[in-house]
N, C-alpha and C. Protein backbone atom coordinates (compact mmCIF):
# COMPACT_ATOMS: atom_id res chain seq x y z
N MET A 1 114.22 101.49 74.11
CA MET A 1 114.21 100.08 74.48
C MET A 1 112.88 99.45 74.07
N LYS A 2 112.91 98.26 73.49
CA LYS A 2 111.69 97.58 73.09
C LYS A 2 111.01 96.95 74.30
N PRO A 3 109.68 96.78 74.23
CA PRO A 3 108.98 96.10 75.30
C PRO A 3 109.55 94.70 75.50
N ILE A 4 109.53 94.22 76.76
CA ILE A 4 110.01 92.88 77.05
C ILE A 4 108.82 91.97 77.28
N SER A 5 109.07 90.67 77.21
CA SER A 5 108.01 89.69 77.38
C SER A 5 107.40 89.79 78.77
N ALA A 6 106.12 89.42 78.89
CA ALA A 6 105.47 89.40 80.21
C ALA A 6 106.09 88.33 81.09
N LYS A 7 106.78 87.36 80.50
CA LYS A 7 107.54 86.40 81.29
C LYS A 7 108.92 87.00 81.53
N SER A 8 108.96 87.92 82.47
CA SER A 8 110.14 88.76 82.64
C SER A 8 111.34 87.98 83.19
N PRO A 9 112.56 88.29 82.72
CA PRO A 9 113.76 87.68 83.27
C PRO A 9 114.22 88.36 84.54
N PHE A 10 113.61 89.47 84.93
CA PHE A 10 114.07 90.21 86.10
C PHE A 10 113.73 89.49 87.39
N ARG A 11 114.67 89.48 88.31
CA ARG A 11 114.45 88.99 89.66
C ARG A 11 115.25 89.87 90.60
N SER A 12 114.76 90.00 91.84
CA SER A 12 115.56 90.69 92.84
C SER A 12 116.62 89.73 93.35
N SER A 13 117.49 90.22 94.23
CA SER A 13 118.61 89.41 94.69
C SER A 13 118.17 88.18 95.47
N ASP A 14 116.92 88.17 95.98
CA ASP A 14 116.44 87.01 96.72
C ASP A 14 115.51 86.14 95.88
N GLY A 15 115.39 86.46 94.57
CA GLY A 15 114.62 85.62 93.68
C GLY A 15 113.18 86.03 93.50
N LYS A 16 112.69 87.01 94.22
CA LYS A 16 111.31 87.43 94.09
C LYS A 16 111.17 88.51 93.01
N LEU A 17 110.05 88.50 92.33
CA LEU A 17 109.80 89.47 91.28
C LEU A 17 109.40 90.80 91.88
N PRO A 18 110.12 91.90 91.58
CA PRO A 18 109.80 93.21 92.17
C PRO A 18 108.63 93.86 91.43
N SER A 19 107.39 93.50 91.81
CA SER A 19 106.24 93.95 91.04
C SER A 19 105.16 94.56 91.93
N PHE A 20 104.50 95.57 91.40
CA PHE A 20 103.32 96.16 92.03
C PHE A 20 102.57 96.94 90.96
N ASP A 21 101.32 97.28 91.25
CA ASP A 21 100.45 97.93 90.28
C ASP A 21 100.50 99.45 90.50
N TYR A 22 101.41 100.13 89.79
CA TYR A 22 101.61 101.55 90.06
C TYR A 22 100.47 102.42 89.55
N ASP A 23 99.71 101.94 88.55
CA ASP A 23 98.64 102.76 87.99
C ASP A 23 97.25 102.20 88.27
N ASN A 24 97.17 101.18 89.12
CA ASN A 24 95.90 100.62 89.58
C ASN A 24 95.00 100.12 88.45
N ASP A 25 95.61 99.63 87.38
CA ASP A 25 94.80 99.11 86.27
C ASP A 25 94.50 97.63 86.42
N GLY A 26 94.99 97.02 87.50
CA GLY A 26 94.73 95.61 87.75
C GLY A 26 95.80 94.67 87.23
N TRP A 27 96.90 95.22 86.69
CA TRP A 27 97.99 94.42 86.16
C TRP A 27 99.29 94.83 86.85
N LYS A 28 100.01 93.84 87.39
CA LYS A 28 101.25 94.11 88.12
C LYS A 28 102.34 94.60 87.17
N ASP A 29 102.95 95.73 87.54
CA ASP A 29 104.06 96.30 86.77
C ASP A 29 105.38 95.93 87.44
N LEU A 30 106.48 96.18 86.74
CA LEU A 30 107.81 95.88 87.27
C LEU A 30 108.56 97.16 87.59
N PHE A 31 109.23 97.17 88.74
CA PHE A 31 110.09 98.29 89.09
C PHE A 31 111.44 97.72 89.51
N VAL A 32 112.47 98.04 88.74
CA VAL A 32 113.79 97.45 88.95
C VAL A 32 114.79 98.53 89.31
N VAL A 33 115.49 98.36 90.42
CA VAL A 33 116.55 99.30 90.80
C VAL A 33 117.87 98.53 90.83
N ASN A 34 118.96 99.25 90.54
CA ASN A 34 120.23 98.55 90.41
C ASN A 34 121.38 99.52 90.58
N GLY A 35 122.56 98.98 90.54
CA GLY A 35 123.82 99.72 90.61
C GLY A 35 124.92 98.69 90.46
N HIS A 36 125.94 99.01 89.73
CA HIS A 36 126.99 98.03 89.46
C HIS A 36 127.73 97.67 90.74
N VAL A 37 128.24 96.44 90.81
CA VAL A 37 128.96 95.99 92.01
C VAL A 37 130.42 96.46 92.01
N TYR A 38 130.94 96.85 90.85
CA TYR A 38 132.34 97.26 90.74
C TYR A 38 132.42 98.78 90.70
N ARG A 39 132.98 99.36 91.75
CA ARG A 39 132.99 100.82 91.90
C ARG A 39 133.78 101.50 90.77
N GLY A 40 134.76 100.86 90.22
CA GLY A 40 135.58 101.48 89.19
C GLY A 40 135.10 101.24 87.78
N VAL A 41 133.85 100.79 87.63
CA VAL A 41 133.36 100.44 86.30
C VAL A 41 133.27 101.67 85.39
N ASP A 42 133.12 102.87 85.98
CA ASP A 42 133.03 104.08 85.16
C ASP A 42 134.32 104.36 84.38
N LYS A 43 135.41 103.76 84.82
CA LYS A 43 136.69 103.97 84.16
C LYS A 43 136.98 102.93 83.09
N THR A 44 136.03 102.04 82.86
CA THR A 44 136.22 100.99 81.86
C THR A 44 135.41 101.29 80.60
N SER A 45 135.56 100.44 79.62
CA SER A 45 134.79 100.58 78.37
C SER A 45 133.73 99.48 78.27
N TRP A 46 133.19 99.09 79.41
CA TRP A 46 132.24 97.96 79.45
C TRP A 46 130.83 98.38 79.02
N GLY A 47 130.59 99.66 78.88
CA GLY A 47 129.28 100.12 78.45
C GLY A 47 128.25 100.16 79.57
N THR A 48 128.71 100.23 80.83
CA THR A 48 127.80 100.32 81.96
C THR A 48 128.37 101.30 82.98
N THR A 49 127.63 101.57 84.05
CA THR A 49 128.05 102.58 85.02
C THR A 49 127.81 102.09 86.44
N TRP A 50 128.50 102.73 87.38
CA TRP A 50 128.36 102.44 88.81
C TRP A 50 126.96 102.82 89.29
N ALA A 51 126.52 104.03 88.99
CA ALA A 51 125.16 104.47 89.31
C ALA A 51 124.26 104.26 88.10
N GLN A 52 123.03 103.81 88.34
CA GLN A 52 122.13 103.49 87.23
C GLN A 52 120.72 103.98 87.52
N ARG A 53 119.97 104.21 86.46
CA ARG A 53 118.60 104.67 86.60
C ARG A 53 117.67 103.55 87.05
N PRO A 54 116.68 103.87 87.89
CA PRO A 54 115.62 102.88 88.16
C PRO A 54 114.77 102.71 86.92
N LEU A 55 114.26 101.51 86.73
CA LEU A 55 113.49 101.19 85.53
C LEU A 55 112.08 100.75 85.91
N LEU A 56 111.08 101.43 85.35
CA LEU A 56 109.68 101.09 85.58
C LEU A 56 109.10 100.56 84.27
N PHE A 57 108.55 99.35 84.33
CA PHE A 57 107.96 98.71 83.16
C PHE A 57 106.46 98.56 83.37
N HIS A 58 105.68 99.10 82.46
CA HIS A 58 104.23 99.03 82.52
C HIS A 58 103.73 97.73 81.92
N ASN A 59 102.91 97.02 82.66
CA ASN A 59 102.34 95.75 82.19
C ASN A 59 101.19 96.03 81.23
N LEU A 60 101.34 95.60 79.99
CA LEU A 60 100.32 95.81 78.98
C LEU A 60 99.37 94.61 78.97
N GLN A 61 98.59 94.50 80.02
CA GLN A 61 97.55 93.47 80.18
C GLN A 61 98.08 92.07 79.94
N GLY A 62 99.25 91.80 80.49
CA GLY A 62 99.80 90.45 80.45
C GLY A 62 100.47 90.05 79.16
N THR A 63 100.56 90.96 78.19
CA THR A 63 101.18 90.61 76.90
C THR A 63 102.67 90.92 76.87
N LYS A 64 103.05 92.07 77.44
CA LYS A 64 104.45 92.48 77.48
C LYS A 64 104.58 93.65 78.45
N PHE A 65 105.82 94.01 78.76
CA PHE A 65 106.11 95.13 79.64
C PHE A 65 106.78 96.24 78.82
N ASP A 66 106.25 97.44 78.95
CA ASP A 66 106.74 98.58 78.18
C ASP A 66 107.48 99.53 79.12
N LEU A 67 108.71 99.89 78.78
CA LEU A 67 109.50 100.78 79.61
C LEU A 67 108.87 102.16 79.69
N VAL A 68 108.63 102.64 80.91
CA VAL A 68 108.07 103.98 81.11
C VAL A 68 109.18 105.00 80.92
N ARG A 69 108.91 106.01 80.10
CA ARG A 69 109.93 107.00 79.76
C ARG A 69 110.34 107.81 80.98
N ALA A 70 111.64 108.02 81.15
CA ALA A 70 112.18 108.80 82.26
C ALA A 70 112.11 110.29 81.90
N VAL A 71 111.22 111.02 82.55
CA VAL A 71 111.07 112.45 82.30
C VAL A 71 112.07 113.23 83.14
N GLU A 72 112.73 114.20 82.53
CA GLU A 72 113.71 115.00 83.25
C GLU A 72 113.09 115.67 84.48
N GLY A 73 113.79 115.58 85.59
CA GLY A 73 113.29 116.17 86.82
C GLY A 73 112.51 115.22 87.70
N THR A 74 112.25 113.99 87.22
CA THR A 74 111.54 113.00 88.02
C THR A 74 112.53 111.97 88.57
N GLY A 75 112.06 111.16 89.51
CA GLY A 75 112.91 110.15 90.12
C GLY A 75 113.41 109.11 89.13
N LEU A 76 112.63 108.84 88.08
CA LEU A 76 113.06 107.85 87.10
C LEU A 76 114.26 108.32 86.28
N ALA A 77 114.55 109.61 86.31
CA ALA A 77 115.69 110.14 85.56
C ALA A 77 116.96 110.22 86.41
N GLU A 78 116.84 109.93 87.71
CA GLU A 78 118.00 109.98 88.60
C GLU A 78 118.83 108.71 88.47
N VAL A 79 120.15 108.84 88.61
CA VAL A 79 121.02 107.66 88.64
C VAL A 79 121.42 107.40 90.09
N MET A 80 121.37 106.15 90.50
CA MET A 80 121.61 105.78 91.89
C MET A 80 122.41 104.48 91.96
N THR A 81 123.06 104.28 93.09
CA THR A 81 123.76 103.02 93.34
C THR A 81 122.88 102.20 94.28
N SER A 82 121.83 101.64 93.74
CA SER A 82 120.77 101.02 94.54
C SER A 82 121.13 99.59 94.94
N ARG A 83 120.69 99.23 96.15
CA ARG A 83 120.93 97.90 96.67
C ARG A 83 119.67 97.23 97.21
N GLY A 84 118.60 97.96 97.34
CA GLY A 84 117.37 97.37 97.84
C GLY A 84 116.21 98.32 97.62
N MET A 85 114.99 97.77 97.60
CA MET A 85 113.82 98.61 97.37
C MET A 85 112.63 98.04 98.13
N ALA A 86 111.89 98.93 98.79
CA ALA A 86 110.63 98.56 99.43
C ALA A 86 109.52 99.42 98.85
N PHE A 87 108.31 98.87 98.77
CA PHE A 87 107.22 99.64 98.19
C PHE A 87 105.97 99.55 99.06
N GLY A 88 105.10 100.51 98.89
CA GLY A 88 103.86 100.53 99.65
C GLY A 88 103.16 101.86 99.51
N ASP A 89 101.97 101.93 100.06
CA ASP A 89 101.15 103.15 100.00
C ASP A 89 101.57 104.07 101.15
N ILE A 90 102.67 104.75 100.98
CA ILE A 90 103.27 105.54 102.06
C ILE A 90 102.36 106.68 102.50
N PHE A 91 101.66 107.29 101.56
CA PHE A 91 100.85 108.46 101.88
C PHE A 91 99.36 108.12 102.03
N ASN A 92 99.05 106.84 102.03
CA ASN A 92 97.66 106.37 102.22
C ASN A 92 96.69 107.04 101.25
N ASP A 93 97.13 107.18 100.01
CA ASP A 93 96.29 107.82 98.99
C ASP A 93 95.92 106.85 97.87
N GLY A 94 96.23 105.57 98.06
CA GLY A 94 95.89 104.58 97.05
C GLY A 94 96.90 104.42 95.95
N LYS A 95 98.02 105.12 96.03
CA LYS A 95 99.08 105.01 95.03
C LYS A 95 100.31 104.37 95.68
N ILE A 96 100.89 103.39 94.99
CA ILE A 96 102.04 102.69 95.54
C ILE A 96 103.32 103.49 95.27
N ASP A 97 104.03 103.79 96.34
CA ASP A 97 105.31 104.52 96.28
C ASP A 97 106.45 103.53 96.54
N ALA A 98 107.67 104.01 96.44
CA ALA A 98 108.83 103.14 96.68
C ALA A 98 109.91 103.90 97.42
N VAL A 99 110.67 103.18 98.24
CA VAL A 99 111.85 103.72 98.91
C VAL A 99 113.04 102.86 98.50
N ILE A 100 114.08 103.52 98.02
CA ILE A 100 115.24 102.83 97.49
C ILE A 100 116.42 103.00 98.46
N ASN A 101 117.06 101.89 98.79
CA ASN A 101 118.25 101.90 99.65
C ASN A 101 119.48 101.98 98.76
N ASN A 102 120.27 103.05 98.91
CA ASN A 102 121.44 103.28 98.06
C ASN A 102 122.73 103.16 98.86
N ILE A 103 123.72 102.54 98.27
CA ILE A 103 125.01 102.41 98.94
C ILE A 103 125.78 103.73 98.86
N ASP A 104 126.43 104.09 99.96
CA ASP A 104 127.22 105.33 100.05
C ASP A 104 126.39 106.58 99.75
N SER A 105 125.09 106.52 100.02
CA SER A 105 124.22 107.66 99.76
C SER A 105 122.97 107.53 100.62
N VAL A 106 122.16 108.57 100.60
CA VAL A 106 120.92 108.56 101.37
C VAL A 106 119.85 107.75 100.62
N PRO A 107 118.84 107.23 101.32
CA PRO A 107 117.74 106.56 100.63
C PRO A 107 116.98 107.54 99.75
N ALA A 108 116.30 107.01 98.76
CA ALA A 108 115.51 107.83 97.84
C ALA A 108 114.04 107.46 97.96
N LEU A 109 113.20 108.46 98.16
CA LEU A 109 111.75 108.25 98.20
C LEU A 109 111.18 108.54 96.82
N MET A 110 110.55 107.57 96.23
CA MET A 110 109.94 107.71 94.91
C MET A 110 108.42 107.82 95.12
N GLN A 111 107.92 109.05 95.17
CA GLN A 111 106.49 109.25 95.36
C GLN A 111 105.75 109.07 94.05
N ASN A 112 104.70 108.31 94.09
CA ASN A 112 103.89 108.05 92.90
C ASN A 112 102.98 109.25 92.66
N VAL A 113 103.27 110.03 91.63
CA VAL A 113 102.47 111.22 91.31
C VAL A 113 101.75 111.04 89.98
N ALA A 114 101.67 109.81 89.50
CA ALA A 114 101.02 109.56 88.22
C ALA A 114 99.53 109.90 88.31
N GLU A 115 99.05 110.62 87.31
CA GLU A 115 97.62 110.92 87.24
C GLU A 115 96.88 109.65 86.82
N GLN A 116 95.83 109.33 87.57
CA GLN A 116 95.09 108.12 87.25
C GLN A 116 93.66 108.22 87.74
N ARG A 117 92.79 107.54 87.03
CA ARG A 117 91.37 107.51 87.39
C ARG A 117 90.92 106.10 87.78
N ASN A 118 91.85 105.19 87.83
CA ASN A 118 91.50 103.81 88.17
C ASN A 118 91.18 103.68 89.65
N HIS A 119 90.37 102.68 89.97
CA HIS A 119 89.98 102.45 91.35
C HIS A 119 90.91 101.43 92.01
N TRP A 120 90.80 101.34 93.32
CA TRP A 120 91.70 100.48 94.09
C TRP A 120 91.04 100.16 95.43
N ILE A 121 91.63 99.21 96.12
CA ILE A 121 91.22 98.89 97.49
C ILE A 121 92.44 98.33 98.22
N GLU A 122 92.54 98.62 99.50
CA GLU A 122 93.70 98.22 100.29
C GLU A 122 93.22 97.66 101.62
N LEU A 123 93.91 96.65 102.12
CA LEU A 123 93.47 95.95 103.31
C LEU A 123 94.54 95.92 104.38
N ARG A 124 94.14 96.24 105.59
CA ARG A 124 95.00 96.03 106.76
C ARG A 124 94.44 94.85 107.52
N LEU A 125 95.15 93.74 107.49
CA LEU A 125 94.66 92.50 108.08
C LEU A 125 95.22 92.30 109.48
N VAL A 126 94.34 91.93 110.41
CA VAL A 126 94.74 91.67 111.80
C VAL A 126 94.35 90.24 112.12
N GLY A 127 95.35 89.42 112.40
CA GLY A 127 95.09 88.01 112.66
C GLY A 127 94.43 87.77 114.00
N GLY A 128 93.70 86.67 114.10
CA GLY A 128 93.05 86.27 115.35
C GLY A 128 93.99 85.48 116.24
N PRO A 129 93.45 84.83 117.27
CA PRO A 129 94.28 84.13 118.27
C PRO A 129 95.17 83.04 117.68
N LYS A 130 94.76 82.43 116.57
CA LYS A 130 95.53 81.32 116.00
C LYS A 130 96.35 81.73 114.76
N SER A 131 96.38 83.02 114.48
CA SER A 131 97.18 83.54 113.36
C SER A 131 98.15 84.59 113.88
N PRO A 132 99.24 84.85 113.15
CA PRO A 132 100.10 85.96 113.53
C PRO A 132 99.31 87.27 113.54
N ARG A 133 99.62 88.13 114.49
CA ARG A 133 98.90 89.40 114.58
C ARG A 133 98.98 90.19 113.29
N ASP A 134 100.16 90.15 112.61
CA ASP A 134 100.33 90.90 111.36
C ASP A 134 99.85 90.11 110.14
N SER A 135 99.30 88.92 110.37
CA SER A 135 98.70 88.09 109.31
C SER A 135 99.70 87.59 108.27
N THR A 136 100.98 87.57 108.61
CA THR A 136 101.96 87.02 107.68
C THR A 136 101.60 85.59 107.31
N GLY A 137 101.55 85.32 106.01
CA GLY A 137 101.16 84.01 105.53
C GLY A 137 99.75 83.95 104.99
N ALA A 138 99.00 85.04 105.15
CA ALA A 138 97.63 85.07 104.63
C ALA A 138 97.64 85.21 103.11
N THR A 139 96.63 84.65 102.46
CA THR A 139 96.44 84.78 101.02
C THR A 139 95.07 85.39 100.77
N ILE A 140 95.01 86.37 99.89
CA ILE A 140 93.78 87.10 99.63
C ILE A 140 93.45 87.04 98.15
N TYR A 141 92.20 86.71 97.85
CA TYR A 141 91.70 86.72 96.48
C TYR A 141 90.61 87.79 96.37
N LEU A 142 90.74 88.63 95.37
CA LEU A 142 89.75 89.69 95.15
C LEU A 142 89.18 89.56 93.75
N THR A 143 87.86 89.64 93.66
CA THR A 143 87.18 89.57 92.37
C THR A 143 86.48 90.89 92.10
N ALA A 144 86.80 91.51 90.97
CA ALA A 144 86.17 92.78 90.58
C ALA A 144 86.30 92.93 89.07
N GLY A 145 85.26 93.42 88.43
CA GLY A 145 85.31 93.64 86.99
C GLY A 145 85.57 92.40 86.19
N GLY A 146 85.16 91.23 86.72
CA GLY A 146 85.36 89.98 86.01
C GLY A 146 86.76 89.41 86.11
N ILE A 147 87.61 90.01 86.92
CA ILE A 147 89.00 89.56 87.08
C ILE A 147 89.24 89.16 88.53
N ARG A 148 89.89 88.02 88.74
CA ARG A 148 90.24 87.55 90.08
C ARG A 148 91.74 87.75 90.29
N GLN A 149 92.09 88.47 91.34
CA GLN A 149 93.49 88.74 91.65
C GLN A 149 93.87 88.08 92.97
N ARG A 150 95.18 87.91 93.14
CA ARG A 150 95.71 87.33 94.38
C ARG A 150 96.80 88.21 94.95
N GLU A 151 96.79 88.34 96.27
CA GLU A 151 97.88 88.98 97.00
C GLU A 151 98.23 88.11 98.21
N ASP A 152 99.49 88.14 98.61
CA ASP A 152 99.94 87.40 99.79
C ASP A 152 100.58 88.36 100.79
N VAL A 153 100.37 88.09 102.06
CA VAL A 153 101.01 88.89 103.10
C VAL A 153 102.32 88.19 103.47
N PHE A 154 103.43 88.89 103.26
CA PHE A 154 104.74 88.31 103.55
C PHE A 154 105.66 89.36 104.14
N SER A 155 106.74 88.90 104.71
CA SER A 155 107.72 89.81 105.30
C SER A 155 109.02 89.71 104.52
N GLY A 156 109.53 90.86 104.07
CA GLY A 156 110.76 90.86 103.30
C GLY A 156 110.47 90.77 101.81
N ALA A 157 111.40 91.29 101.02
CA ALA A 157 111.24 91.24 99.56
C ALA A 157 112.59 91.48 98.92
N SER A 158 112.86 92.71 98.52
CA SER A 158 114.15 93.05 97.93
C SER A 158 115.23 92.99 99.02
N TYR A 159 116.49 93.08 98.61
CA TYR A 159 117.62 92.95 99.53
C TYR A 159 117.51 93.92 100.71
N ALA A 160 117.57 93.39 101.94
CA ALA A 160 117.56 94.19 103.17
C ALA A 160 116.38 95.16 103.21
N SER A 161 115.24 94.75 102.66
CA SER A 161 114.08 95.63 102.56
C SER A 161 112.82 94.86 102.93
N SER A 162 111.87 95.57 103.52
CA SER A 162 110.57 94.99 103.84
C SER A 162 109.48 95.96 103.42
N SER A 163 108.58 95.52 102.57
CA SER A 163 107.57 96.40 101.99
C SER A 163 106.32 96.47 102.86
N ASP A 164 105.43 97.36 102.49
CA ASP A 164 104.14 97.54 103.15
C ASP A 164 103.40 96.19 103.17
N PRO A 165 103.02 95.69 104.33
CA PRO A 165 102.36 94.38 104.39
C PRO A 165 100.90 94.41 103.99
N ARG A 166 100.32 95.59 103.76
CA ARG A 166 98.90 95.68 103.43
C ARG A 166 98.65 95.28 101.97
N PRO A 167 97.83 94.26 101.74
CA PRO A 167 97.50 93.90 100.36
C PRO A 167 96.81 95.06 99.64
N HIS A 168 97.30 95.36 98.45
CA HIS A 168 96.78 96.47 97.66
C HIS A 168 96.34 95.93 96.30
N PHE A 169 95.13 96.27 95.89
CA PHE A 169 94.60 95.81 94.61
C PHE A 169 94.18 97.01 93.76
N GLY A 170 94.73 97.11 92.56
CA GLY A 170 94.19 98.02 91.57
C GLY A 170 93.07 97.30 90.84
N ILE A 171 91.94 97.97 90.61
CA ILE A 171 90.81 97.29 89.98
C ILE A 171 90.33 98.02 88.73
N GLY A 172 91.16 98.90 88.20
CA GLY A 172 90.84 99.56 86.95
C GLY A 172 89.57 100.39 87.02
N SER A 173 88.69 100.21 86.06
CA SER A 173 87.46 101.00 85.99
C SER A 173 86.32 100.43 86.83
N ALA A 174 86.54 99.27 87.45
CA ALA A 174 85.49 98.65 88.26
C ALA A 174 85.11 99.55 89.42
N ALA A 175 83.82 99.81 89.59
CA ALA A 175 83.35 100.72 90.64
C ALA A 175 82.97 99.99 91.91
N ARG A 176 83.06 98.66 91.90
CA ARG A 176 82.77 97.90 93.11
C ARG A 176 83.56 96.60 93.09
N VAL A 177 83.68 96.01 94.28
CA VAL A 177 84.35 94.72 94.42
C VAL A 177 83.27 93.67 94.67
N ASP A 178 83.28 92.59 93.89
CA ASP A 178 82.28 91.54 94.04
C ASP A 178 82.47 90.75 95.33
N LYS A 179 83.72 90.40 95.62
CA LYS A 179 83.99 89.72 96.88
C LYS A 179 85.49 89.65 97.15
N ILE A 180 85.81 89.47 98.42
CA ILE A 180 87.18 89.25 98.86
C ILE A 180 87.21 87.96 99.66
N GLU A 181 88.11 87.05 99.29
CA GLU A 181 88.28 85.80 100.02
C GLU A 181 89.62 85.86 100.76
N ILE A 182 89.58 85.66 102.05
CA ILE A 182 90.80 85.70 102.86
C ILE A 182 91.07 84.30 103.41
N HIS A 183 92.26 83.79 103.12
CA HIS A 183 92.70 82.52 103.67
C HIS A 183 93.72 82.86 104.77
N TRP A 184 93.26 82.81 106.01
CA TRP A 184 94.10 83.21 107.14
C TRP A 184 95.16 82.16 107.45
N PRO A 185 96.26 82.54 108.08
CA PRO A 185 97.29 81.56 108.44
C PRO A 185 96.79 80.45 109.35
N SER A 186 95.74 80.70 110.11
CA SER A 186 95.18 79.69 111.01
C SER A 186 94.48 78.57 110.26
N GLY A 187 94.22 78.80 108.97
CA GLY A 187 93.46 77.84 108.17
C GLY A 187 92.03 78.26 107.95
N ALA A 188 91.59 79.27 108.68
CA ALA A 188 90.22 79.77 108.52
C ALA A 188 90.07 80.51 107.20
N LYS A 189 88.87 80.47 106.65
CA LYS A 189 88.56 81.19 105.42
C LYS A 189 87.41 82.15 105.69
N GLU A 190 87.50 83.33 105.08
CA GLU A 190 86.51 84.37 105.33
C GLU A 190 86.20 85.07 104.02
N GLU A 191 84.92 85.32 103.77
CA GLU A 191 84.50 86.01 102.55
C GLU A 191 83.83 87.32 102.92
N ILE A 192 84.26 88.40 102.26
CA ILE A 192 83.79 89.74 102.61
C ILE A 192 83.45 90.50 101.33
N VAL A 193 82.40 91.31 101.40
CA VAL A 193 82.07 92.22 100.30
C VAL A 193 82.23 93.64 100.84
N PRO A 194 83.26 94.36 100.41
CA PRO A 194 83.48 95.72 100.93
C PRO A 194 82.39 96.68 100.45
N PRO A 195 82.03 97.67 101.26
CA PRO A 195 80.94 98.58 100.91
C PRO A 195 81.32 99.65 99.89
N ALA A 196 82.61 99.81 99.60
CA ALA A 196 83.04 100.87 98.69
C ALA A 196 84.42 100.53 98.16
N VAL A 197 84.89 101.35 97.20
CA VAL A 197 86.25 101.22 96.69
C VAL A 197 87.01 102.49 97.01
N ASP A 198 88.28 102.52 96.62
CA ASP A 198 89.15 103.67 96.91
C ASP A 198 89.22 103.93 98.42
N ARG A 199 89.35 102.84 99.17
CA ARG A 199 89.38 102.92 100.62
C ARG A 199 90.40 101.93 101.17
N ILE A 200 90.85 102.20 102.40
CA ILE A 200 91.69 101.28 103.15
C ILE A 200 90.83 100.70 104.26
N PHE A 201 90.64 99.38 104.25
CA PHE A 201 89.79 98.73 105.23
C PHE A 201 90.62 97.89 106.19
N THR A 202 90.30 97.97 107.47
CA THR A 202 90.89 97.09 108.47
C THR A 202 89.96 95.90 108.66
N ILE A 203 90.51 94.70 108.52
CA ILE A 203 89.74 93.47 108.67
C ILE A 203 90.38 92.62 109.76
N VAL A 204 89.61 92.30 110.79
CA VAL A 204 90.08 91.45 111.87
C VAL A 204 89.55 90.04 111.64
N GLU A 205 90.41 89.07 111.77
CA GLU A 205 90.02 87.69 111.50
C GLU A 205 88.79 87.29 112.30
N GLY A 206 87.77 86.82 111.58
CA GLY A 206 86.54 86.37 112.22
C GLY A 206 85.57 87.46 112.60
N LYS A 207 85.95 88.73 112.42
CA LYS A 207 85.10 89.84 112.83
C LYS A 207 84.76 90.78 111.68
N GLY A 208 85.33 90.55 110.51
CA GLY A 208 85.00 91.35 109.35
C GLY A 208 85.62 92.74 109.36
N ILE A 209 85.02 93.62 108.56
CA ILE A 209 85.52 94.98 108.42
C ILE A 209 85.24 95.79 109.67
N GLN A 210 86.25 96.48 110.18
CA GLN A 210 86.11 97.24 111.41
C GLN A 210 85.92 98.74 111.17
N ASN A 211 86.23 99.20 109.97
CA ASN A 211 86.14 100.65 109.69
C ASN A 211 85.52 100.87 108.32
N PRO A 212 84.24 100.58 108.14
CA PRO A 212 83.64 100.63 106.81
C PRO A 212 83.66 102.00 106.14
N HIS A 213 83.90 103.06 106.90
CA HIS A 213 83.88 104.41 106.31
C HIS A 213 85.22 105.13 106.50
N GLU A 214 86.31 104.37 106.57
CA GLU A 214 87.61 104.98 106.83
C GLU A 214 87.99 105.96 105.73
N HIS A 215 88.45 107.13 106.14
CA HIS A 215 88.86 108.18 105.21
C HIS A 215 90.29 107.94 104.76
N VAL A 216 90.59 108.29 103.52
CA VAL A 216 91.96 108.18 103.02
C VAL A 216 92.45 109.54 102.58
N SER A 217 93.78 109.70 102.53
CA SER A 217 94.38 110.97 102.12
C SER A 217 94.15 111.20 100.65
N LYS A 218 94.05 112.45 100.27
CA LYS A 218 93.91 112.83 98.88
C LYS A 218 95.10 113.64 98.42
């Protein structure tokens, strides 16, 4: 399959783009799961199937998306009748994993085992008295390595799925973060400079980082 344009035609069933940075290079990649709606499609000559492979597209620095090859024995080589997908750092190791909801079958856990040397940072936001406790509605801007990224805290994404609410930023080879700007749901704005990278930090609205030396799984 040829690379597709960075202006991707893919959308989930609710209209949101199913994207996250699986290799922490600072560019959002696409992960698409699917399954045909017609159970008897395998008996037709339509050129498609009831169960289908998940598709991971690597973002080539905003120019195009390149299909990641499905290696035999990995989750990308499995065929599934998928109906929803949630993603997040399930193992708290800085790598984004995914859980796929399949019809007439058990869910599938897609653990991210990609070898990578890129850096990352992840935030657990706790809202103050005038914001939701889970900080839904917050917007975060992170600047590192000359690139400014944005993440939003929201609830829900793919069909019948809710992903990890913690904003996760891949920052590539950058060894430090210049600053983080948090726009809380209350309207308050807060600027923070984290002391390190490759960490998960808890930030309480108006009180800053609460765990500057938090350990993460390896």
